[in-house]
Amino acid sequence: DCGVKMNIVRSFLRRNVNVVLVPAFATAKEVLDYDPDGVVLSNGPGDPAILHYVIETTRSLIGKVPIQGICLGHQILALASGAKTYKMKFGHRGINQPVKDLDTGRVYITSQNHGFAVDPKTLGGTGFRVKQVNANDGTVEALIHTELPIISTQYHPEARPGPLDSQYLFDKFLEWLSTY
């Protein structure tokens, strides 16, 4: 919990998932002691690069459990894997940010509120590939790991307020939980 929006929690509860909120300062051991089927790294405020404790915990969880990152959690996953983030000139704010899926060509309308982004030039060797980009400026909007059940989005799939285009991401993550 880095500042989770409660509709992320409600999105999982609506899918009959038991949710345990752990504080951002929790260690990987403390998280794994719950024997979770998966871990969601939540949204939250600020510069992800200064959250060394969350980055280290995330680094220790990679490969041990399926992970989904949302907004700040997306950036934390990238940093934990060795990529970099940067401060955007203006950031993305609002409920009408177009995101293009590079696999399908489909464009989703998303809800966003962030001022940092993942640098795609630093993804080499991380195991991640860019799955989605912002249709306006080309910034990274979603990452997917090429070998592990890890996915992350810069935007808010729980969309409260905002469009419901991205609710499928919760279902995709739950599919992974059942097969991991």
Foldseek 3Di string as FASTA:
>chain_A
DQQADCLVVVLVVVVVDDDDDDDLQDALVRVCVVVDLEEEAGAHDDDLVVSVSNLNRLLVCPPVHAYEYEASRQQSLCVNLFFDKDFAPPFDAAQAWWKAFPVPRDIDGFGADYGMATDQVGCPRSQKDQGMATPPPGTGAKIAGNPGNYIYGNTDCSCVPHDNRRSCVVVSSVVVSVVD
